[in-house]
Amino acid sequence: MTNKDCRNFLHVDMKTATRILQSMELLGTGGKRNRTYQIDFKRYLQKSTKFDCIED
């Protein structure tokens, strides 16, 4: 996802989109103008909570 993709999807300005993308701890690749963001699912799943209340 690029900053522009985020802006178009969320209907926000450039500064807001940048703050959102940076706060999500995504993997950023590329330079300032060509940066894309990707989610690291392995890292995300490690941070997820366990549901102890669910019984099998």
C-alpha atoms as a PDB file:
ATOM      1  CA  MET A   1       0.000   0.000   0.000  1.00  0.00           C
ATOM      2  CA  THR A   2       1.281   3.448  -0.791  1.00  0.00           C
ATOM      3  CA  ASN A   3       0.529   6.702   0.981  1.00  0.00           C
ATOM      4  CA  LYS A   4      -1.713   7.634  -1.946  1.00  0.00           C
ATOM      5  CA  ASP A   5      -3.619   4.338  -1.682  1.00  0.00           C
ATOM      6  CA  CYS A   6      -4.163   5.005   2.020  1.00  0.00           C
ATOM      7  CA  ARG A   7      -5.367   8.570   1.373  1.00  0.00           C
ATOM      8  CA  ASN A   8      -7.802   7.461  -1.305  1.00  0.00           C
ATOM      9  CA  PHE A   9      -9.156   4.569   0.766  1.00  0.00           C
ATOM     10  CA  LEU A  10      -9.564   6.499   4.039  1.00  0.00           C
ATOM     11  CA  HIS A  11     -10.312   9.929   2.496  1.00  0.00           C
ATOM     12  CA  VAL A  12      -7.649  11.671   4.582  1.00  0.00           C
ATOM     13  CA  ASP A  13      -4.861  14.150   3.834  1.00  0.00           C
ATOM     14  CA  MET A  14      -1.211  13.250   3.230  1.00  0.00           C
ATOM     15  CA  LYS A  15      -0.007  14.039   6.751  1.00  0.00           C
ATOM     16  CA  THR A  16      -2.744  11.926   8.349  1.00  0.00           C
ATOM     17  CA  ALA A  17      -2.075   9.000   6.008  1.00  0.00           C
ATOM     18  CA  THR A  18       1.645   9.152   6.824  1.00  0.00           C
ATOM     19  CA  ARG A  19       0.970   9.126  10.570  1.00  0.00           C
ATOM     20  CA  ILE A  20      -1.420   6.191  10.234  1.00  0.00           C
ATOM     21  CA  LEU A  21       0.968   4.110   8.134  1.00  0.00           C
ATOM     22  CA  GLN A  22       3.960   4.846  10.383  1.00  0.00           C
ATOM     23  CA  SER A  23       2.019   4.094  13.569  1.00  0.00           C
ATOM     24  CA  MET A  24       0.992   0.653  12.306  1.00  0.00           C
ATOM     25  CA  GLU A  25       4.583  -0.664  12.392  1.00  0.00           C
ATOM     26  CA  LEU A  26       4.387  -1.877   8.794  1.00  0.00           C
ATOM     27  CA  LEU A  27       7.357  -2.930   6.686  1.00  0.00           C
ATOM     28  CA  GLY A  28       8.303   0.083   4.589  1.00  0.00           C
ATOM     29  CA  THR A  29      10.326  -0.372   1.423  1.00  0.00           C
ATOM     30  CA  GLY A  30      11.563   2.163  -1.087  1.00  0.00           C
ATOM     31  CA  GLY A  31      12.585   5.790  -0.904  1.00  0.00           C
ATOM     32  CA  LYS A  32      10.559   8.770   0.160  1.00  0.00           C
ATOM     33  CA  ARG A  33       8.639   9.036  -3.115  1.00  0.00           C
ATOM     34  CA  ASN A  34       8.445   5.330  -3.889  1.00  0.00           C
ATOM     35  CA  ARG A  35       7.724   3.946  -0.415  1.00  0.00           C
ATOM     36  CA  THR A  36       5.286   1.083  -0.066  1.00  0.00           C
ATOM     37  CA  TYR A  37       4.034  -0.465   3.150  1.00  0.00           C
ATOM     38  CA  GLN A  38       3.342  -4.141   3.803  1.00  0.00           C
ATOM     39  CA  ILE A  39       2.054  -5.923   6.874  1.00  0.00           C
ATOM     40  CA  ASP A  40       4.274  -8.548   8.477  1.00  0.00           C
ATOM     41  CA  PHE A  41       1.684 -11.206   9.328  1.00  0.00           C
ATOM     42  CA  LYS A  42       4.138 -13.318  11.351  1.00  0.00           C
ATOM     43  CA  ARG A  43       4.864 -10.366  13.619  1.00  0.00           C
ATOM     44  CA  TYR A  44       1.188  -9.446  13.810  1.00  0.00           C
ATOM     45  CA  LEU A  45       0.148 -12.960  14.794  1.00  0.00           C
ATOM     46  CA  GLN A  46       2.798 -13.111  17.517  1.00  0.00           C
ATOM     47  CA  LYS A  47       1.341  -9.947  19.065  1.00  0.00           C
ATOM     48  CA  SER A  48      -2.243 -11.190  18.947  1.00  0.00           C
ATOM     49  CA  THR A  49      -3.879 -12.202  22.179  1.00  0.00           C
ATOM     50  CA  LYS A  50      -4.812 -15.732  23.097  1.00  0.00           C
ATOM     51  CA  PHE A  51      -8.462 -16.484  23.709  1.00  0.00           C
ATOM     52  CA  ASP A  52      -8.339 -18.408  26.972  1.00  0.00           C
ATOM     53  CA  CYS A  53     -12.097 -18.153  27.404  1.00  0.00           C
ATOM     54  CA  ILE A  54     -12.778 -20.309  24.320  1.00  0.00           C
ATOM     55  CA  GLU A  55     -13.065 -23.997  25.121  1.00  0.00           C
ATOM     56  CA  ASP A  56     -12.747 -26.829  22.616  1.00  0.00           C
END
